[in-house]
Amino acid sequence: MPKGDRPQGYGAAIRTLHWLTAIMVGCNIALGLYAGGLPTGNDAEVARAALAYSAHKTIGVSLLGLTLLRIGVALSGPRPAPLHPERRIETLAAATVHWALYGALLVMPAAGWIAHAANTGFAPILWPFGQSLPLVTKSESLVHAFDAVHRAGAWTLYGALALHVAGALKHALIDRDATLARMTRPIRNAAPAAPPSPNPVAAPALIAALLWAGVIATGLSLGLREVAAPGASVSAATGGNWAVTDGSLTFSVRQLGSPVEGRLSGWSAAIAFDEGTGTGNARVTIPLAPQPDGAAERGLRLGAVTAQALGPEFFDAAAHPEAVFAADIAPATDPADTAGGATHLATGSLSLRGTSVPVTLPFALTINGAEATMSGAVTLDRRDFGMGPGYPDETSVGFAVTVTVALTATRI
């Protein structure tokens, strides 16, 4: 073909990549909608949902690579000139929709992959290169932000697909031209097409890029708003002679074999402690259902499975909106405790989900003038609180839940 000439139809490579992409996109949309509607009330249902999500993620990652290859092939060779160059608005719209689809096939898999890499414990990618990405740390904020981009991008993809299909049908049924035929078979001995416009790529690509910049910005804004900076994890409490000024309360449980970390915010602690005897008492009140409380976040967060954790199968936060730990404090004397770094024990009960279970929390306490710091951890068994009866073994959700607390308090 002489330099500068345009082919009448698309080559075999572009046609193959187009229809392979179309099949994979259709399958992945159906698979994502199917997985999102699956129940997760027991081990078998969780395993089914995890398999569906794993397949969805794996196809998405494959689509990302396929799209990069397709863009490279498309830009490396001549493209057919528009059949109706006099219809400038229609030609611009068609090219913009094409580039919007390219954007969807880049942004959505990339956002989903980043959200997956920032998360832990659910539906691994069936891929030989591991589950992590460079520079992507485990972060609930990243999970929510890029999951929101993925969801916002889905609606943009649906719109672009609808326009693309509608355009193809218009050309086939109304215009009755060779637009659709170009992508289904080789075009030979056709009359020369009109010459293309001087810059057929820049304008539609720029419009599509601006569209996707808006989608990404909107998704990130909505996602980060869901996990807005919680401020202090501790709220004020009355009673006692020490006031907690800062602290964290987290827990870790294994899900599908990987540790998943949750956090509890907005809890309050009333602490009475006698430095002379090393004894005292504490009462910690922990809200479970997330709810806004001024500028502070309150309640439980467990990444992508927060809603499931708060449901009746586990914390049942609707019926039991808070947990309470009440304990007496005494010096640690058992060598097993002191060898682990504990200086004191908080021995009492944890009331959770309508059940009260004896709990002993070993912790290290340091007092420096009017300020005290403590840190400790205890491992609980979810079955003691009647959690997860539909998960009788540890295939999906582990039995052990490690609770970690750290706080700073000042003398009142």
Protein backbone atom coordinates (compact mmCIF):
# COMPACT_ATOMS: atom_id res chain seq x y z
CA MET A 1 0.00 0.00 0.00
CA PRO A 2 1.47 3.39 -0.96
CA LYS A 3 2.50 5.61 1.92
CA GLY A 4 -0.39 7.76 3.13
CA ASP A 5 -3.12 5.51 1.68
CA ARG A 6 -5.80 4.19 4.01
CA PRO A 7 -7.15 0.62 3.97
CA GLN A 8 -10.85 0.13 3.26
CA GLY A 9 -11.34 -2.24 6.21
CA TYR A 10 -9.64 -3.36 9.38
CA GLY A 11 -6.89 -5.97 9.35
CA ALA A 12 -7.21 -9.45 10.77
CA ALA A 13 -5.31 -8.53 13.95
CA ILE A 14 -7.59 -5.61 14.81
CA ARG A 15 -10.74 -7.60 14.01
CA THR A 16 -9.62 -10.50 16.18
CA LEU A 17 -8.71 -8.24 19.10
CA HIS A 18 -12.02 -6.35 18.75
CA TRP A 19 -14.23 -9.41 18.96
CA LEU A 20 -12.12 -11.09 21.65
CA THR A 21 -12.40 -7.90 23.70
CA ALA A 22 -16.16 -7.75 23.12
CA ILE A 23 -16.62 -11.34 24.31
CA MET A 24 -14.47 -10.81 27.41
CA VAL A 25 -16.20 -7.52 28.30
CA GLY A 26 -19.64 -9.10 27.98
CA CYS A 27 -18.62 -12.09 30.08
CA ASN A 28 -17.02 -9.92 32.73
CA ILE A 29 -20.01 -7.58 33.05
CA ALA A 30 -22.30 -10.58 33.50
CA LEU A 31 -19.87 -12.20 35.94
CA GLY A 32 -19.52 -9.03 38.02
CA LEU A 33 -23.30 -8.56 38.27
CA TYR A 34 -23.72 -12.24 39.12
CA ALA A 35 -21.04 -12.17 41.84
CA GLY A 36 -22.46 -9.00 43.38
CA GLY A 37 -25.82 -10.69 43.87
CA LEU A 38 -24.54 -13.89 45.46
CA PRO A 39 -25.34 -14.55 49.14
CA THR A 40 -22.48 -15.02 51.62
CA GLY A 41 -24.24 -16.56 54.59
CA ASN A 42 -22.14 -19.69 54.98
CA ASP A 43 -18.87 -21.28 53.91
CA ALA A 44 -20.24 -22.76 50.69
CA GLU A 45 -21.79 -19.45 49.62
CA VAL A 46 -18.62 -17.51 50.43
CA ALA A 47 -16.54 -19.98 48.41
CA ARG A 48 -18.91 -19.60 45.44
CA ALA A 49 -18.80 -15.79 45.64
CA ALA A 50 -15.02 -15.79 46.02
CA LEU A 51 -14.61 -17.98 42.93
CA ALA A 52 -16.89 -15.69 40.89
CA TYR A 53 -15.02 -12.58 42.01
CA SER A 54 -11.67 -14.26 41.34
CA ALA A 55 -12.75 -15.05 37.79
CA HIS A 56 -14.05 -11.48 37.35
CA LYS A 57 -10.76 -10.00 38.55
CA THR A 58 -8.67 -12.35 36.43
CA ILE A 59 -10.59 -11.52 33.25
CA GLY A 60 -10.29 -7.82 34.13
CA VAL A 61 -6.51 -8.01 34.45
CA SER A 62 -6.39 -9.93 31.16
CA LEU A 63 -8.51 -7.24 29.51
CA LEU A 64 -6.08 -4.58 30.67
CA GLY A 65 -3.20 -6.31 28.91
CA LEU A 66 -5.33 -7.03 25.83
CA THR A 67 -6.38 -3.37 25.61
CA LEU A 68 -2.80 -2.14 25.77
CA LEU A 69 -1.96 -4.55 22.95
CA ARG A 70 -4.98 -3.43 20.94
CA ILE A 71 -4.14 0.27 21.30
CA GLY A 72 -0.57 -0.42 20.25
CA VAL A 73 -1.70 -2.33 17.15
CA ALA A 74 -4.27 0.34 16.29
CA LEU A 75 -1.77 3.19 16.53
CA SER A 76 1.03 1.38 14.72
CA GLY A 77 -0.71 1.10 11.36
CA PRO A 78 -3.11 3.02 9.13
CA ARG A 79 -6.79 3.09 10.02
CA PRO A 80 -9.70 3.12 7.57
CA ALA A 81 -10.86 6.61 6.70
CA PRO A 82 -14.42 7.60 7.73
CA LEU A 83 -17.07 6.52 5.21
CA HIS A 84 -18.96 9.77 5.72
CA PRO A 85 -16.35 12.47 6.41
CA GLU A 86 -18.90 15.16 5.62
CA ARG A 87 -20.78 14.16 8.78
CA ARG A 88 -18.23 15.80 11.02
CA ILE A 89 -20.18 15.74 14.28
CA GLU A 90 -21.15 12.10 13.82
CA THR A 91 -17.56 11.16 12.93
CA LEU A 92 -16.21 13.02 15.97
CA ALA A 93 -18.80 11.39 18.24
CA ALA A 94 -18.00 7.91 16.95
CA ALA A 95 -14.27 8.37 17.47
CA THR A 96 -14.85 9.83 20.94
CA VAL A 97 -16.95 6.82 21.93
CA HIS A 98 -14.15 4.54 20.71
CA TRP A 99 -11.61 6.35 22.86
CA ALA A 100 -14.03 6.37 25.81
CA LEU A 101 -14.23 2.59 25.47
CA TYR A 102 -10.44 2.37 25.41
CA GLY A 103 -10.43 4.48 28.58
CA ALA A 104 -12.94 2.16 30.24
CA LEU A 105 -10.85 -0.88 29.37
CA LEU A 106 -7.80 0.77 30.94
CA VAL A 107 -9.25 2.61 33.94
CA MET A 108 -11.68 -0.01 35.23
CA PRO A 109 -9.25 -2.98 35.36
CA ALA A 110 -6.48 -0.75 36.74
CA ALA A 111 -8.75 0.66 39.46
CA GLY A 112 -10.02 -2.80 40.34
CA TRP A 113 -6.47 -4.18 40.49
CA ILE A 114 -5.30 -1.34 42.77
CA ALA A 115 -8.30 -1.86 45.08
CA HIS A 116 -7.55 -5.59 45.17
CA ALA A 117 -3.86 -5.04 45.92
CA ALA A 118 -4.72 -2.60 48.74
CA ASN A 119 -7.16 -5.08 50.27
CA THR A 120 -6.53 -8.42 51.95
CA GLY A 121 -8.14 -11.77 52.25
CA PHE A 122 -10.85 -12.09 49.62
CA ALA A 123 -11.06 -13.54 46.11
CA PRO A 124 -7.46 -13.77 44.84
CA ILE A 125 -6.61 -13.07 41.22
CA LEU A 126 -6.00 -16.35 39.40
CA TRP A 127 -2.72 -15.03 38.12
CA PRO A 128 0.88 -16.24 38.47
CA PHE A 129 2.38 -12.90 39.55
CA GLY A 130 0.94 -12.57 43.06
CA GLN A 131 -1.69 -10.28 44.52
CA SER A 132 0.31 -7.10 45.20
CA LEU A 133 1.32 -4.13 43.08
CA PRO A 134 4.40 -1.94 43.43
CA LEU A 135 3.81 1.21 45.52
CA VAL A 136 0.32 0.01 46.57
CA THR A 137 0.10 -0.49 50.33
CA LYS A 138 -2.63 -2.23 52.29
CA SER A 139 -5.04 0.63 52.95
CA GLU A 140 -8.78 0.84 53.51
CA SER A 141 -8.76 4.34 52.05
CA LEU A 142 -7.21 3.08 48.82
CA VAL A 143 -9.69 0.20 48.67
CA HIS A 144 -12.69 2.52 48.98
CA ALA A 145 -11.26 5.17 46.66
CA PHE A 146 -10.40 2.87 43.75
CA ASP A 147 -13.44 0.67 44.26
CA ALA A 148 -15.51 3.84 43.84
CA VAL A 149 -13.58 4.66 40.63
CA HIS A 150 -14.30 1.12 39.42
CA ARG A 151 -18.02 1.51 40.16
CA ALA A 152 -18.26 4.98 38.60
CA GLY A 153 -16.38 3.72 35.57
CA ALA A 154 -18.89 0.90 35.14
CA TRP A 155 -21.69 3.36 34.39
CA THR A 156 -19.47 5.20 31.92
CA LEU A 157 -18.65 1.88 30.25
CA TYR A 158 -22.34 0.97 30.00
CA GLY A 159 -23.09 4.32 28.37
CA ALA A 160 -20.21 4.09 25.90
CA LEU A 161 -21.14 0.50 24.99
CA ALA A 162 -24.76 1.49 24.41
CA LEU A 163 -23.69 4.32 22.09
CA HIS A 164 -21.21 2.07 20.28
CA VAL A 165 -23.81 -0.63 19.65
CA ALA A 166 -26.45 1.93 18.67
CA GLY A 167 -24.04 3.47 16.16
CA ALA A 168 -23.21 0.08 14.64
CA LEU A 169 -26.93 -0.73 14.29
CA LYS A 170 -27.60 2.66 12.69
CA HIS A 171 -24.91 2.06 10.07
CA ALA A 172 -26.15 -1.48 9.39
CA LEU A 173 -29.92 -0.90 9.37
CA ILE A 174 -30.40 2.75 8.40
CA ASP A 175 -27.32 3.87 6.45
CA ARG A 176 -26.75 0.36 5.06
CA ASP A 177 -23.07 1.09 4.58
CA ALA A 178 -19.92 -0.96 5.15
CA THR A 179 -19.08 0.31 8.66
CA LEU A 180 -19.99 -2.94 10.43
CA ALA A 181 -18.63 -5.06 7.58
CA ARG A 182 -15.20 -3.50 8.10
CA MET A 183 -14.99 -5.23 11.47
CA THR A 184 -16.42 -8.58 10.37
CA ARG A 185 -14.56 -9.44 7.17
CA PRO A 186 -11.83 -8.22 4.79
CA ILE A 187 -12.96 -5.48 2.43
CA ARG A 188 -11.59 -5.90 -1.13
CA ASN A 189 -12.07 -3.99 -4.36
CA ALA A 190 -13.94 -1.20 -2.63
CA ALA A 191 -14.10 2.31 -4.00
CA PRO A 192 -11.53 4.61 -2.43
CA ALA A 193 -12.74 6.30 0.70
CA ALA A 194 -12.58 10.05 1.12
CA PRO A 195 -9.34 11.28 2.66
CA PRO A 196 -9.34 11.55 6.43
CA SER A 197 -9.24 14.80 8.37
CA PRO A 198 -5.73 16.10 9.15
CA ASN A 199 -5.78 14.98 12.80
CA PRO A 200 -8.35 12.19 13.28
CA VAL A 201 -7.13 11.06 16.73
CA ALA A 202 -6.21 14.06 18.86
CA ALA A 203 -9.61 15.69 19.36
CA PRO A 204 -11.68 12.57 20.25
CA ALA A 205 -8.86 11.18 22.40
CA LEU A 206 -8.66 14.47 24.31
CA ILE A 207 -12.43 14.58 24.85
CA ALA A 208 -12.42 10.98 26.10
CA ALA A 209 -9.43 11.71 28.37
CA LEU A 210 -11.26 14.67 29.91
CA LEU A 211 -14.34 12.50 30.42
CA TRP A 212 -12.34 9.84 32.22
CA ALA A 213 -10.47 12.44 34.28
CA GLY A 214 -13.86 13.59 35.55
CA VAL A 215 -14.97 10.01 36.28
CA ILE A 216 -11.74 9.26 38.17
CA ALA A 217 -11.93 12.49 40.17
CA THR A 218 -15.58 11.85 41.07
CA GLY A 219 -14.90 8.26 42.07
CA LEU A 220 -11.91 9.16 44.21
CA SER A 221 -13.87 11.93 45.92
CA LEU A 222 -16.81 9.66 46.71
CA GLY A 223 -14.60 6.79 47.84
CA LEU A 224 -12.43 8.89 50.13
CA ARG A 225 -15.52 10.51 51.60
CA GLU A 226 -16.67 7.05 52.71
CA VAL A 227 -13.56 6.76 54.89
CA ALA A 228 -13.07 10.41 55.74
CA ALA A 229 -10.35 11.06 58.30
CA PRO A 230 -11.84 9.84 61.56
CA GLY A 231 -10.03 12.27 63.83
CA ALA A 232 -9.58 10.81 67.30
CA SER A 233 -10.66 7.18 67.63
CA VAL A 234 -11.58 7.87 71.24
CA SER A 235 -14.47 9.98 72.47
CA ALA A 236 -14.78 11.57 75.88
CA ALA A 237 -15.91 9.49 78.85
CA THR A 238 -16.88 10.46 82.38
CA GLY A 239 -15.73 8.72 85.53
CA GLY A 240 -12.31 7.72 86.81
CA ASN A 241 -9.20 9.78 87.43
CA TRP A 242 -7.56 9.32 84.00
CA ALA A 243 -8.81 10.73 80.69
CA VAL A 244 -7.91 9.00 77.43
CA THR A 245 -6.62 11.55 74.91
CA ASP A 246 -5.62 9.29 72.04
CA GLY A 247 -5.75 5.63 71.15
CA SER A 248 -6.47 2.87 68.68
CA LEU A 249 -8.53 -0.28 68.91
CA THR A 250 -8.04 -2.80 66.08
CA PHE A 251 -8.67 -6.48 65.46
CA SER A 252 -7.39 -9.06 63.02
CA VAL A 253 -9.07 -12.20 61.68
CA ARG A 254 -8.11 -14.60 58.91
CA GLN A 255 -10.41 -14.63 55.90
CA LEU A 256 -9.84 -17.20 53.17
CA GLY A 257 -6.43 -17.83 54.69
CA SER A 258 -5.22 -14.20 54.76
CA PRO A 259 -5.29 -11.78 57.71
CA VAL A 260 -7.82 -8.95 57.47
CA GLU A 261 -7.56 -6.01 59.86
CA GLY A 262 -10.51 -4.04 61.17
CA ARG A 263 -10.74 -1.00 63.36
CA LEU A 264 -13.14 0.37 65.94
CA SER A 265 -13.57 4.11 66.28
CA GLY A 266 -15.42 6.41 68.64
CA TRP A 267 -14.95 4.23 71.72
CA SER A 268 -14.71 5.73 75.19
CA ALA A 269 -12.94 4.57 78.34
CA ALA A 270 -13.56 5.49 81.97
CA ILE A 271 -10.43 4.56 83.95
CA ALA A 272 -9.75 4.70 87.67
CA PHE A 273 -6.20 3.74 88.67
CA ASP A 274 -4.17 3.99 91.85
CA GLU A 275 -0.45 4.27 91.10
CA GLY A 276 0.49 3.29 94.62
CA THR A 277 -1.17 -0.13 94.55
CA GLY A 278 -1.17 -0.62 90.77
CA THR A 279 -4.86 -1.45 90.90
CA GLY A 280 -8.00 0.07 89.51
CA ASN A 281 -10.84 -0.53 87.08
CA ALA A 282 -11.87 0.39 83.57
CA ARG A 283 -15.04 0.44 81.53
CA VAL A 284 -14.71 0.69 77.74
CA THR A 285 -17.78 1.33 75.58
CA ILE A 286 -17.41 0.52 71.88
CA PRO A 287 -19.99 1.54 69.24
CA LEU A 288 -20.28 -0.96 66.40
CA ALA A 289 -22.60 0.43 63.73
CA PRO A 290 -20.74 3.13 61.73
CA GLN A 291 -22.43 6.49 62.08
CA PRO A 292 -21.28 10.09 61.74
CA ASP A 293 -20.68 11.90 64.98
CA GLY A 294 -19.67 15.44 64.12
CA ALA A 295 -16.23 15.30 62.50
CA ALA A 296 -15.38 11.92 64.03
CA GLU A 297 -16.08 8.47 62.70
CA ARG A 298 -17.73 5.92 64.97
CA GLY A 299 -18.13 2.19 64.68
CA LEU A 300 -16.57 -0.85 63.08
CA ARG A 301 -14.73 -1.01 59.77
CA LEU A 302 -13.52 -4.23 58.17
CA GLY A 303 -12.53 -3.27 54.66
CA ALA A 304 -14.69 -4.59 51.85
CA VAL A 305 -16.67 -6.90 54.16
CA THR A 306 -17.80 -4.30 56.71
CA ALA A 307 -21.50 -4.75 55.88
CA GLN A 308 -21.23 -8.53 56.19
CA ALA A 309 -19.35 -8.25 59.51
CA LEU A 310 -22.06 -5.97 60.95
CA GLY A 311 -24.86 -8.28 59.80
CA PRO A 312 -26.80 -10.79 61.93
CA GLU A 313 -24.34 -13.61 61.17
CA PHE A 314 -21.51 -11.83 63.00
CA PHE A 315 -21.69 -8.65 65.13
CA ASP A 316 -25.45 -8.17 64.60
CA ALA A 317 -24.96 -4.44 65.15
CA ALA A 318 -28.61 -3.59 64.44
CA ALA A 319 -29.73 -5.57 67.51
CA HIS A 320 -26.59 -4.96 69.59
CA PRO A 321 -25.17 -1.55 68.61
CA GLU A 322 -22.34 -1.49 71.14
CA ALA A 323 -19.90 -3.69 73.03
CA VAL A 324 -18.72 -3.12 76.60
CA PHE A 325 -15.54 -4.30 78.29
CA ALA A 326 -15.56 -3.91 82.10
CA ALA A 327 -12.51 -5.05 84.05
CA ASP A 328 -10.50 -4.75 87.24
CA ILE A 329 -6.83 -3.80 86.90
CA ALA A 330 -4.06 -5.48 88.89
CA PRO A 331 -0.27 -5.94 88.57
CA ALA A 332 0.84 -8.88 86.42
CA THR A 333 2.63 -11.49 88.50
CA ASP A 334 2.53 -14.60 86.29
CA PRO A 335 5.94 -15.08 84.57
CA ALA A 336 4.11 -16.00 81.36
CA ASP A 337 2.58 -12.51 81.30
CA THR A 338 5.60 -10.54 82.42
CA ALA A 339 7.84 -12.42 79.99
CA GLY A 340 5.64 -11.09 77.20
CA GLY A 341 6.17 -7.54 78.38
CA ALA A 342 2.94 -7.10 80.35
CA THR A 343 3.06 -5.15 83.60
CA HIS A 344 -0.66 -5.32 84.40
CA LEU A 345 -3.78 -7.37 83.72
CA ALA A 346 -7.30 -6.14 83.04
CA THR A 347 -9.56 -9.00 84.11
CA GLY A 348 -13.27 -8.80 83.50
CA SER A 349 -15.86 -9.50 80.83
CA LEU A 350 -16.61 -8.44 77.27
CA SER A 351 -20.30 -8.05 76.47
CA LEU A 352 -20.77 -8.42 72.73
CA ARG A 353 -23.70 -9.51 70.62
CA GLY A 354 -25.80 -10.15 73.72
CA THR A 355 -23.21 -12.50 75.21
CA SER A 356 -20.81 -11.81 78.09
CA VAL A 357 -17.49 -13.69 77.98
CA PRO A 358 -14.67 -13.58 80.59
CA VAL A 359 -11.60 -11.82 79.15
CA THR A 360 -8.16 -11.08 80.55
CA LEU A 361 -6.14 -8.45 78.73
CA PRO A 362 -2.38 -8.35 79.52
CA PHE A 363 -0.92 -4.91 78.88
CA ALA A 364 2.20 -2.85 79.36
CA LEU A 365 1.75 0.40 81.28
CA THR A 366 4.17 3.31 81.53
CA ILE A 367 3.46 6.43 83.62
CA ASN A 368 5.57 9.52 83.10
CA GLY A 369 4.39 12.37 85.28
CA ALA A 370 0.79 13.15 84.42
CA GLU A 371 0.77 11.06 81.25
CA ALA A 372 0.28 7.31 80.90
CA THR A 373 0.62 5.04 77.88
CA MET A 374 -0.52 1.45 77.59
CA SER A 375 -0.59 -1.25 74.92
CA GLY A 376 -1.86 -4.78 74.96
CA ALA A 377 -3.45 -7.56 72.95
CA VAL A 378 -5.74 -10.50 73.55
CA THR A 379 -6.98 -13.30 71.31
CA LEU A 380 -10.68 -14.15 71.37
CA ASP A 381 -12.70 -16.93 69.74
CA ARG A 382 -15.62 -15.72 67.63
CA ARG A 383 -17.59 -18.87 68.48
CA ASP A 384 -17.74 -17.85 72.15
CA PHE A 385 -19.99 -14.97 71.10
CA GLY A 386 -22.14 -17.04 68.73
CA MET A 387 -20.57 -15.43 65.66
CA GLY A 388 -20.59 -17.14 62.28
CA PRO A 389 -22.75 -20.22 62.92
CA GLY A 390 -22.87 -20.71 59.16
CA TYR A 391 -19.06 -20.91 59.13
CA PRO A 392 -18.42 -24.06 61.21
CA ASP A 393 -14.75 -24.33 60.26
CA GLU A 394 -11.95 -21.96 59.34
CA THR A 395 -12.12 -22.41 55.57
CA SER A 396 -13.59 -18.94 55.07
CA VAL A 397 -13.37 -17.17 58.43
CA GLY A 398 -10.92 -18.05 61.20
CA PHE A 399 -11.99 -18.73 64.77
CA ALA A 400 -9.28 -16.61 66.40
CA VAL A 401 -9.69 -12.82 66.53
CA THR A 402 -6.74 -10.85 67.88
CA VAL A 403 -7.72 -7.54 69.48
CA THR A 404 -5.01 -4.90 69.92
CA VAL A 405 -5.36 -1.72 71.98
CA ALA A 406 -3.04 1.23 72.56
CA LEU A 407 -3.85 4.49 74.29
CA THR A 408 -2.51 7.61 75.92
CA ALA A 409 -4.19 9.08 78.98
CA THR A 410 -3.64 12.09 81.24
CA ARG A 411 -4.32 12.41 84.93
CA ILE A 412 -7.50 14.34 85.77
